[in-house]
Amino acid sequence: MSGEKQNRKKINFFAEDTELDMPMSQMIDCVFLLLIFFMSVSTIDDARYSKKVELPVAENAAVEEDESNRAVIDLEWSESGYSTVIRMSGQVFFAPGELVPLLEKFGREHPAEGRVVIRADRNVPYEFTQEIMSAVADSNIPSVLFSTLETEIAAAVPAGGG
């Protein structure tokens, strides 16, 4: 028995002459695929919201934890035309009543947990927001949230304070 132990050689896997071959071309392919995936996902996420909407500030606002099962409505304000441009799911609407079929479809797809987030520009008069809320109510969606900022974003305020 002791003779067997003496005949065995210990193999050092970490010896300097041991070379591990790792196919780097496949590793680089994986890195590029991950890079492209994350770039495309971040672009899609940014495209969901209108960049023209300046959200109002609400210091005591609660942060929404679960962003699933929600429809987002953007209300862009046109001071020159005293009107709003309504955006939802990549479509543009000019009257709140036009939203009802799309909201009803959303309500059927998410009957219990669905909610609507209204992202109204800070300059939109309440009457326009009220019309959007009526369209949501006509669609039988019970939950409505308003998107606000917790603090003022310096980039959104023009230089000179005006």
N, C-alpha and C. Protein backbone atom coordinates (compact mmCIF):
# COMPACT_ATOMS: atom_id res chain seq x y z
N MET A 1 0.81 -1.18 0.00
CA MET A 1 0.00 0.00 0.00
C MET A 1 0.86 1.26 0.00
N SER A 2 1.89 1.24 0.81
CA SER A 2 2.73 2.43 0.87
C SER A 2 3.53 2.58 -0.42
N GLY A 3 3.79 1.47 -1.13
CA GLY A 3 4.50 1.52 -2.40
C GLY A 3 3.67 2.22 -3.47
N GLU A 4 2.33 2.02 -3.42
CA GLU A 4 1.45 2.69 -4.39
C GLU A 4 1.47 4.19 -4.20
N LYS A 5 1.48 4.60 -2.95
CA LYS A 5 1.50 6.04 -2.69
C LYS A 5 2.79 6.67 -3.17
N GLN A 6 3.88 5.96 -3.07
CA GLN A 6 5.15 6.52 -3.49
C GLN A 6 5.25 6.58 -5.01
N ASN A 7 4.58 5.66 -5.73
CA ASN A 7 4.65 5.65 -7.18
C ASN A 7 3.79 6.73 -7.83
N ARG A 8 2.81 7.21 -7.13
CA ARG A 8 1.95 8.26 -7.70
C ARG A 8 2.69 9.59 -7.69
N LYS A 9 2.51 10.32 -8.76
CA LYS A 9 3.11 11.64 -8.85
C LYS A 9 2.03 12.69 -8.62
N LYS A 10 2.40 13.70 -7.94
CA LYS A 10 1.48 14.82 -7.76
C LYS A 10 1.54 15.69 -9.00
N ILE A 11 0.37 16.06 -9.46
CA ILE A 11 0.31 16.91 -10.64
C ILE A 11 0.00 18.32 -10.18
N ASN A 12 0.81 19.24 -10.59
CA ASN A 12 0.61 20.64 -10.25
C ASN A 12 -0.08 21.31 -11.44
N PHE A 13 -1.36 21.63 -11.24
CA PHE A 13 -2.12 22.22 -12.33
C PHE A 13 -1.75 23.68 -12.57
N PHE A 14 -1.05 24.27 -11.64
CA PHE A 14 -0.72 25.68 -11.74
C PHE A 14 0.75 25.90 -12.09
N ALA A 15 1.35 24.90 -12.64
CA ALA A 15 2.75 25.04 -13.02
C ALA A 15 2.88 26.05 -14.15
N GLU A 16 4.02 26.65 -14.25
CA GLU A 16 4.21 27.71 -15.25
C GLU A 16 4.16 27.19 -16.68
N ASP A 17 4.55 25.96 -16.88
CA ASP A 17 4.55 25.44 -18.24
C ASP A 17 3.17 24.97 -18.69
N THR A 18 2.20 24.95 -17.77
CA THR A 18 0.84 24.55 -18.14
C THR A 18 0.15 25.73 -18.80
N GLU A 19 -0.39 25.50 -19.97
CA GLU A 19 -1.06 26.57 -20.70
C GLU A 19 -2.51 26.20 -20.92
N LEU A 20 -3.40 27.07 -20.54
CA LEU A 20 -4.83 26.85 -20.76
C LEU A 20 -5.24 27.58 -22.01
N ASP A 21 -5.91 26.86 -22.89
CA ASP A 21 -6.39 27.48 -24.11
C ASP A 21 -7.83 27.92 -23.92
N MET A 22 -8.07 29.20 -24.10
CA MET A 22 -9.42 29.73 -24.00
C MET A 22 -9.70 30.44 -25.32
N PRO A 23 -10.75 30.04 -26.00
CA PRO A 23 -11.05 30.65 -27.31
C PRO A 23 -11.51 32.10 -27.14
N MET A 24 -10.62 33.03 -27.36
CA MET A 24 -10.92 34.45 -27.14
C MET A 24 -11.88 35.01 -28.19
N SER A 25 -11.87 34.48 -29.39
CA SER A 25 -12.77 35.02 -30.42
C SER A 25 -14.23 34.80 -30.01
N GLN A 26 -14.53 33.67 -29.42
CA GLN A 26 -15.90 33.42 -28.96
C GLN A 26 -16.25 34.32 -27.78
N MET A 27 -15.29 34.57 -26.91
CA MET A 27 -15.52 35.45 -25.77
C MET A 27 -15.79 36.88 -26.25
N ILE A 28 -15.03 37.32 -27.23
CA ILE A 28 -15.23 38.66 -27.79
C ILE A 28 -16.60 38.76 -28.46
N ASP A 29 -17.02 37.72 -29.15
CA ASP A 29 -18.36 37.71 -29.75
C ASP A 29 -19.44 37.88 -28.69
N CYS A 30 -19.30 37.17 -27.59
CA CYS A 30 -20.29 37.28 -26.50
C CYS A 30 -20.32 38.69 -25.93
N VAL A 31 -19.16 39.29 -25.74
CA VAL A 31 -19.10 40.66 -25.21
C VAL A 31 -19.79 41.63 -26.15
N PHE A 32 -19.53 41.51 -27.44
CA PHE A 32 -20.18 42.41 -28.40
C PHE A 32 -21.69 42.20 -28.44
N LEU A 33 -22.14 40.96 -28.37
CA LEU A 33 -23.58 40.71 -28.35
C LEU A 33 -24.23 41.32 -27.12
N LEU A 34 -23.61 41.19 -25.96
CA LEU A 34 -24.15 41.81 -24.75
C LEU A 34 -24.16 43.33 -24.87
N LEU A 35 -23.13 43.89 -25.42
CA LEU A 35 -23.05 45.33 -25.60
C LEU A 35 -24.17 45.83 -26.51
N ILE A 36 -24.38 45.16 -27.62
CA ILE A 36 -25.45 45.55 -28.55
C ILE A 36 -26.81 45.38 -27.90
N PHE A 37 -27.01 44.31 -27.14
CA PHE A 37 -28.28 44.10 -26.46
C PHE A 37 -28.59 45.23 -25.49
N PHE A 38 -27.65 45.58 -24.64
CA PHE A 38 -27.91 46.62 -23.65
C PHE A 38 -28.07 47.99 -24.28
N MET A 39 -27.37 48.24 -25.38
CA MET A 39 -27.55 49.52 -26.07
C MET A 39 -28.94 49.61 -26.68
N SER A 40 -29.43 48.54 -27.26
CA SER A 40 -30.75 48.57 -27.88
C SER A 40 -31.85 48.66 -26.82
N VAL A 41 -31.70 47.98 -25.70
CA VAL A 41 -32.72 48.03 -24.65
C VAL A 41 -32.78 49.43 -24.04
N SER A 42 -31.65 50.06 -23.81
CA SER A 42 -31.66 51.40 -23.22
C SER A 42 -32.26 52.41 -24.19
N THR A 43 -32.06 52.24 -25.48
CA THR A 43 -32.65 53.14 -26.47
C THR A 43 -34.16 52.98 -26.50
N ILE A 44 -34.65 51.76 -26.44
CA ILE A 44 -36.09 51.52 -26.44
C ILE A 44 -36.73 52.13 -25.21
N ASP A 45 -36.08 52.01 -24.06
CA ASP A 45 -36.63 52.55 -22.82
C ASP A 45 -36.73 54.07 -22.89
N ASP A 46 -35.73 54.73 -23.47
CA ASP A 46 -35.77 56.18 -23.59
C ASP A 46 -36.84 56.64 -24.57
N ALA A 47 -37.13 55.84 -25.58
CA ALA A 47 -38.10 56.23 -26.61
C ALA A 47 -39.54 56.15 -26.12
N ARG A 48 -39.79 55.51 -24.97
CA ARG A 48 -41.15 55.38 -24.48
C ARG A 48 -41.74 56.69 -23.99
N TYR A 49 -40.89 57.63 -23.61
CA TYR A 49 -41.37 58.87 -23.01
C TYR A 49 -41.01 60.05 -23.89
N SER A 50 -41.90 61.04 -23.89
CA SER A 50 -41.66 62.24 -24.67
C SER A 50 -40.63 63.13 -23.97
N LYS A 51 -39.67 63.59 -24.71
CA LYS A 51 -38.64 64.47 -24.16
C LYS A 51 -39.16 65.91 -24.05
N LYS A 52 -40.29 66.21 -24.67
CA LYS A 52 -40.83 67.57 -24.66
C LYS A 52 -41.64 67.87 -23.40
N VAL A 53 -41.93 66.86 -22.60
CA VAL A 53 -42.73 67.06 -21.40
C VAL A 53 -41.83 67.49 -20.24
N GLU A 54 -42.12 68.67 -19.67
CA GLU A 54 -41.44 69.14 -18.47
C GLU A 54 -42.34 68.83 -17.30
N LEU A 55 -41.97 67.85 -16.50
CA LEU A 55 -42.82 67.40 -15.41
C LEU A 55 -42.86 68.41 -14.27
N PRO A 56 -43.99 68.51 -13.58
CA PRO A 56 -44.07 69.39 -12.40
C PRO A 56 -43.33 68.77 -11.22
N VAL A 57 -43.05 69.60 -10.22
CA VAL A 57 -42.35 69.13 -9.03
C VAL A 57 -43.37 68.87 -7.93
N ALA A 58 -43.22 67.73 -7.25
CA ALA A 58 -44.04 67.39 -6.09
C ALA A 58 -43.10 66.84 -5.03
N GLU A 59 -42.82 67.64 -4.03
CA GLU A 59 -41.82 67.26 -3.02
C GLU A 59 -42.20 66.02 -2.23
N ASN A 60 -43.49 65.79 -1.99
CA ASN A 60 -43.93 64.67 -1.18
C ASN A 60 -44.44 63.50 -2.01
N ALA A 61 -44.02 63.43 -3.24
CA ALA A 61 -44.49 62.37 -4.13
C ALA A 61 -43.88 61.03 -3.73
N ALA A 62 -44.63 59.97 -3.95
CA ALA A 62 -44.15 58.61 -3.69
C ALA A 62 -43.55 58.05 -4.98
N VAL A 63 -42.50 57.28 -4.84
CA VAL A 63 -41.85 56.66 -5.99
C VAL A 63 -42.54 55.35 -6.30
N GLU A 64 -42.90 55.17 -7.57
CA GLU A 64 -43.56 53.93 -7.99
C GLU A 64 -42.52 52.80 -8.04
N GLU A 65 -42.79 51.75 -7.30
CA GLU A 65 -41.84 50.65 -7.20
C GLU A 65 -41.98 49.67 -8.38
N ASP A 66 -43.21 49.38 -8.77
CA ASP A 66 -43.47 48.39 -9.81
C ASP A 66 -43.90 49.14 -11.07
N GLU A 67 -43.07 49.07 -12.11
CA GLU A 67 -43.39 49.78 -13.35
C GLU A 67 -44.02 48.88 -14.40
N SER A 68 -44.42 47.68 -14.01
CA SER A 68 -45.05 46.78 -14.96
C SER A 68 -46.55 47.05 -15.01
N ASN A 69 -47.21 46.54 -16.03
CA ASN A 69 -48.66 46.63 -16.19
C ASN A 69 -49.16 48.07 -16.15
N ARG A 70 -48.50 48.92 -16.88
CA ARG A 70 -48.95 50.31 -16.91
C ARG A 70 -48.88 50.87 -18.33
N ALA A 71 -49.78 51.78 -18.58
CA ALA A 71 -49.79 52.51 -19.84
C ALA A 71 -49.39 53.95 -19.53
N VAL A 72 -48.58 54.54 -20.37
CA VAL A 72 -48.09 55.90 -20.13
C VAL A 72 -48.68 56.83 -21.18
N ILE A 73 -49.28 57.92 -20.70
CA ILE A 73 -49.82 58.95 -21.58
C ILE A 73 -49.02 60.22 -21.37
N ASP A 74 -48.43 60.75 -22.44
CA ASP A 74 -47.69 62.02 -22.38
C ASP A 74 -48.57 63.14 -22.90
N LEU A 75 -48.61 64.24 -22.15
CA LEU A 75 -49.34 65.44 -22.58
C LEU A 75 -48.32 66.55 -22.83
N GLU A 76 -48.06 66.84 -24.09
CA GLU A 76 -47.16 67.93 -24.45
C GLU A 76 -47.97 69.20 -24.63
N TRP A 77 -47.45 70.30 -24.16
CA TRP A 77 -48.19 71.56 -24.22
C TRP A 77 -47.66 72.44 -25.33
N SER A 78 -48.60 73.01 -26.12
CA SER A 78 -48.27 73.97 -27.17
C SER A 78 -48.89 75.31 -26.75
N GLU A 79 -48.05 76.21 -26.26
CA GLU A 79 -48.52 77.52 -25.80
C GLU A 79 -49.09 78.33 -26.96
N SER A 80 -48.46 78.23 -28.12
CA SER A 80 -48.90 79.03 -29.27
C SER A 80 -50.29 78.63 -29.74
N GLY A 81 -50.60 77.34 -29.69
CA GLY A 81 -51.90 76.89 -30.15
C GLY A 81 -52.89 76.65 -29.03
N TYR A 82 -52.47 76.90 -27.80
CA TYR A 82 -53.27 76.60 -26.60
C TYR A 82 -53.92 75.23 -26.75
N SER A 83 -53.05 74.22 -26.97
CA SER A 83 -53.54 72.87 -27.18
C SER A 83 -52.50 71.86 -26.69
N THR A 84 -52.93 70.63 -26.59
CA THR A 84 -52.02 69.57 -26.19
C THR A 84 -51.81 68.58 -27.32
N VAL A 85 -50.67 67.95 -27.31
CA VAL A 85 -50.40 66.81 -28.17
C VAL A 85 -50.32 65.62 -27.22
N ILE A 86 -51.12 64.59 -27.49
CA ILE A 86 -51.22 63.43 -26.61
C ILE A 86 -50.46 62.28 -27.28
N ARG A 87 -49.57 61.66 -26.52
CA ARG A 87 -48.80 60.53 -27.04
C ARG A 87 -49.02 59.32 -26.14
N MET A 88 -49.29 58.18 -26.79
CA MET A 88 -49.44 56.93 -26.06
C MET A 88 -49.05 55.78 -26.99
N SER A 89 -48.21 54.91 -26.51
CA SER A 89 -47.77 53.72 -27.27
C SER A 89 -47.23 54.08 -28.65
N GLY A 90 -46.49 55.16 -28.71
CA GLY A 90 -45.88 55.56 -29.97
C GLY A 90 -46.83 56.22 -30.96
N GLN A 91 -48.08 56.45 -30.55
CA GLN A 91 -49.06 57.07 -31.43
C GLN A 91 -49.35 58.49 -30.93
N VAL A 92 -49.74 59.36 -31.86
CA VAL A 92 -50.07 60.75 -31.53
C VAL A 92 -51.57 60.94 -31.66
N PHE A 93 -52.16 61.59 -30.65
CA PHE A 93 -53.59 61.89 -30.64
C PHE A 93 -53.78 63.38 -30.37
N PHE A 94 -54.89 63.92 -30.86
CA PHE A 94 -55.15 65.34 -30.64
C PHE A 94 -56.41 65.57 -29.82
N ALA A 95 -57.17 64.51 -29.58
CA ALA A 95 -58.38 64.61 -28.75
C ALA A 95 -58.37 63.45 -27.75
N PRO A 96 -58.71 63.71 -26.49
CA PRO A 96 -58.71 62.64 -25.49
C PRO A 96 -59.63 61.47 -25.82
N GLY A 97 -60.74 61.73 -26.52
CA GLY A 97 -61.67 60.66 -26.89
C GLY A 97 -61.04 59.62 -27.80
N GLU A 98 -60.01 60.02 -28.55
CA GLU A 98 -59.32 59.08 -29.44
C GLU A 98 -58.55 58.02 -28.67
N LEU A 99 -58.26 58.28 -27.39
CA LEU A 99 -57.52 57.33 -26.56
C LEU A 99 -58.36 56.15 -26.09
N VAL A 100 -59.68 56.34 -26.02
CA VAL A 100 -60.57 55.36 -25.38
C VAL A 100 -60.40 53.95 -25.96
N PRO A 101 -60.42 53.73 -27.29
CA PRO A 101 -60.25 52.35 -27.78
C PRO A 101 -58.93 51.71 -27.36
N LEU A 102 -57.86 52.48 -27.41
CA LEU A 102 -56.56 51.96 -27.01
C LEU A 102 -56.52 51.66 -25.51
N LEU A 103 -57.13 52.54 -24.71
CA LEU A 103 -57.19 52.32 -23.26
C LEU A 103 -58.09 51.13 -22.91
N GLU A 104 -59.19 50.98 -23.64
CA GLU A 104 -60.07 49.82 -23.39
C GLU A 104 -59.33 48.52 -23.67
N LYS A 105 -58.56 48.49 -24.75
CA LYS A 105 -57.77 47.30 -25.07
C LYS A 105 -56.76 47.03 -23.95
N PHE A 106 -56.11 48.08 -23.47
CA PHE A 106 -55.16 47.92 -22.36
C PHE A 106 -55.88 47.39 -21.12
N GLY A 107 -57.08 47.90 -20.85
CA GLY A 107 -57.85 47.45 -19.70
C GLY A 107 -58.25 45.98 -19.79
N ARG A 108 -58.56 45.51 -21.01
CA ARG A 108 -58.89 44.08 -21.20
C ARG A 108 -57.66 43.20 -20.99
N GLU A 109 -56.50 43.69 -21.41
CA GLU A 109 -55.26 42.91 -21.27
C GLU A 109 -54.77 42.87 -19.83
N HIS A 110 -55.09 43.89 -19.05
CA HIS A 110 -54.65 43.99 -17.65
C HIS A 110 -55.86 44.35 -16.78
N PRO A 111 -56.79 43.42 -16.59
CA PRO A 111 -58.05 43.76 -15.93
C PRO A 111 -57.92 44.20 -14.47
N ALA A 112 -57.07 43.57 -13.70
CA ALA A 112 -57.02 43.89 -12.26
C ALA A 112 -55.85 44.80 -11.91
N GLU A 113 -54.71 44.55 -12.53
CA GLU A 113 -53.49 45.24 -12.09
C GLU A 113 -53.09 46.41 -12.99
N GLY A 114 -53.80 46.67 -14.07
CA GLY A 114 -53.43 47.72 -15.01
C GLY A 114 -53.66 49.11 -14.43
N ARG A 115 -52.75 50.01 -14.76
CA ARG A 115 -52.91 51.40 -14.34
C ARG A 115 -52.34 52.32 -15.41
N VAL A 116 -52.80 53.55 -15.38
CA VAL A 116 -52.39 54.54 -16.36
C VAL A 116 -51.56 55.61 -15.66
N VAL A 117 -50.43 55.94 -16.25
CA VAL A 117 -49.57 57.01 -15.74
C VAL A 117 -49.71 58.19 -16.69
N ILE A 118 -50.11 59.32 -16.14
CA ILE A 118 -50.24 60.55 -16.94
C ILE A 118 -49.00 61.40 -16.69
N ARG A 119 -48.28 61.67 -17.77
CA ARG A 119 -47.10 62.55 -17.71
C ARG A 119 -47.48 63.87 -18.38
N ALA A 120 -48.06 64.76 -17.60
CA ALA A 120 -48.52 66.04 -18.14
C ALA A 120 -47.44 67.10 -17.95
N ASP A 121 -47.23 67.89 -18.98
CA ASP A 121 -46.30 69.00 -18.89
C ASP A 121 -46.76 69.96 -17.79
N ARG A 122 -45.81 70.57 -17.12
CA ARG A 122 -46.16 71.46 -16.00
C ARG A 122 -47.00 72.66 -16.44
N ASN A 123 -47.00 73.00 -17.72
CA ASN A 123 -47.76 74.14 -18.22
C ASN A 123 -49.15 73.78 -18.74
N VAL A 124 -49.49 72.50 -18.76
CA VAL A 124 -50.80 72.08 -19.26
C VAL A 124 -51.87 72.51 -18.26
N PRO A 125 -52.87 73.29 -18.72
CA PRO A 125 -53.97 73.66 -17.81
C PRO A 125 -54.75 72.42 -17.36
N TYR A 126 -55.35 72.52 -16.19
CA TYR A 126 -56.02 71.38 -15.58
C TYR A 126 -57.15 70.84 -16.46
N GLU A 127 -57.82 71.70 -17.20
CA GLU A 127 -58.95 71.25 -18.03
C GLU A 127 -58.54 70.16 -19.01
N PHE A 128 -57.31 70.23 -19.55
CA PHE A 128 -56.84 69.21 -20.48
C PHE A 128 -56.51 67.90 -19.75
N THR A 129 -55.94 68.03 -18.57
CA THR A 129 -55.65 66.84 -17.77
C THR A 129 -56.94 66.16 -17.35
N GLN A 130 -57.94 66.94 -17.03
CA GLN A 130 -59.24 66.41 -16.63
C GLN A 130 -59.89 65.62 -17.77
N GLU A 131 -59.72 66.09 -18.99
CA GLU A 131 -60.27 65.36 -20.14
C GLU A 131 -59.58 64.00 -20.31
N ILE A 132 -58.27 63.95 -20.06
CA ILE A 132 -57.55 62.67 -20.14
C ILE A 132 -58.04 61.74 -19.05
N MET A 133 -58.24 62.26 -17.84
CA MET A 133 -58.75 61.43 -16.73
C MET A 133 -60.14 60.91 -17.05
N SER A 134 -60.97 61.69 -17.72
CA SER A 134 -62.30 61.23 -18.12
C SER A 134 -62.21 60.10 -19.15
N ALA A 135 -61.26 60.22 -20.08
CA ALA A 135 -61.06 59.16 -21.08
C ALA A 135 -60.62 57.87 -20.40
N VAL A 136 -59.77 57.98 -19.39
CA VAL A 136 -59.32 56.79 -18.64
C VAL A 136 -60.50 56.18 -17.90
N ALA A 137 -61.33 57.03 -17.27
CA ALA A 137 -62.50 56.52 -16.55
C ALA A 137 -63.50 55.87 -17.50
N ASP A 138 -63.68 56.44 -18.70
CA ASP A 138 -64.58 55.85 -19.70
C ASP A 138 -64.08 54.47 -20.15
N SER A 139 -62.79 54.22 -19.98
CA SER A 139 -62.20 52.95 -20.39
C SER A 139 -62.21 51.92 -19.27
N ASN A 140 -62.82 52.27 -18.13
CA ASN A 140 -62.94 51.36 -16.97
C ASN A 140 -61.59 50.93 -16.39
N ILE A 141 -60.63 51.84 -16.38
CA ILE A 141 -59.35 51.57 -15.73
C ILE A 141 -59.38 52.32 -14.40
N PRO A 142 -59.32 51.58 -13.28
CA PRO A 142 -59.54 52.22 -11.98
C PRO A 142 -58.35 52.97 -11.41
N SER A 143 -57.15 52.72 -11.88
CA SER A 143 -55.97 53.30 -11.25
C SER A 143 -55.27 54.29 -12.18
N VAL A 144 -55.09 55.52 -11.69
CA VAL A 144 -54.41 56.57 -12.44
C VAL A 144 -53.32 57.16 -11.56
N LEU A 145 -52.14 57.29 -12.12
CA LEU A 145 -51.01 57.91 -11.42
C LEU A 145 -50.54 59.12 -12.21
N PHE A 146 -49.95 60.08 -11.51
CA PHE A 146 -49.39 61.25 -12.16
C PHE A 146 -47.88 61.24 -11.97
N SER A 147 -47.16 61.44 -13.04
CA SER A 147 -45.71 61.44 -12.98
C SER A 147 -45.24 62.85 -12.65
N THR A 148 -44.37 62.94 -11.64
CA THR A 148 -43.81 64.22 -11.21
C THR A 148 -42.33 64.04 -10.92
N LEU A 149 -41.67 65.16 -10.65
CA LEU A 149 -40.28 65.13 -10.22
C LEU A 149 -40.22 65.39 -8.73
N GLU A 150 -39.27 64.75 -8.07
CA GLU A 150 -39.11 64.97 -6.64
C GLU A 150 -38.44 66.32 -6.37
N THR A 151 -37.47 66.67 -7.22
CA THR A 151 -36.80 67.95 -7.12
C THR A 151 -36.65 68.53 -8.52
N GLU A 152 -36.41 69.82 -8.56
CA GLU A 152 -36.25 70.51 -9.84
C GLU A 152 -34.96 70.04 -10.51
N ILE A 153 -35.02 69.79 -11.80
CA ILE A 153 -33.82 69.42 -12.56
C ILE A 153 -33.25 70.71 -13.15
N ALA A 154 -31.98 70.98 -12.86
CA ALA A 154 -31.36 72.22 -13.27
C ALA A 154 -31.35 72.38 -14.79
N ALA A 155 -31.21 71.29 -15.53
CA ALA A 155 -31.14 71.37 -17.00
C ALA A 155 -32.47 71.80 -17.60
N ALA A 156 -33.58 71.55 -16.91
CA ALA A 156 -34.89 71.90 -17.45
C ALA A 156 -35.21 73.37 -17.27
N VAL A 157 -34.52 74.05 -16.34
CA VAL A 157 -34.78 75.46 -16.10
C VAL A 157 -33.83 76.26 -16.96
N PRO A 158 -34.37 77.19 -17.79
CA PRO A 158 -33.50 77.98 -18.65
C PRO A 158 -32.55 78.85 -17.83
N ALA A 159 -31.38 79.13 -18.38
CA ALA A 159 -30.42 79.99 -17.70
C ALA A 159 -31.03 81.37 -17.47
N GLY A 160 -30.73 81.98 -16.36
CA GLY A 160 -31.30 83.29 -16.06
C GLY A 160 -32.57 83.17 -15.22
N GLY A 161 -32.97 81.95 -14.87
CA GLY A 161 -34.11 81.76 -13.99
C GLY A 161 -35.45 82.00 -14.63
N GLY A 162 -35.53 82.22 -15.92
CA GLY A 162 -36.81 82.55 -16.53
C GLY A 162 -37.30 81.49 -17.37
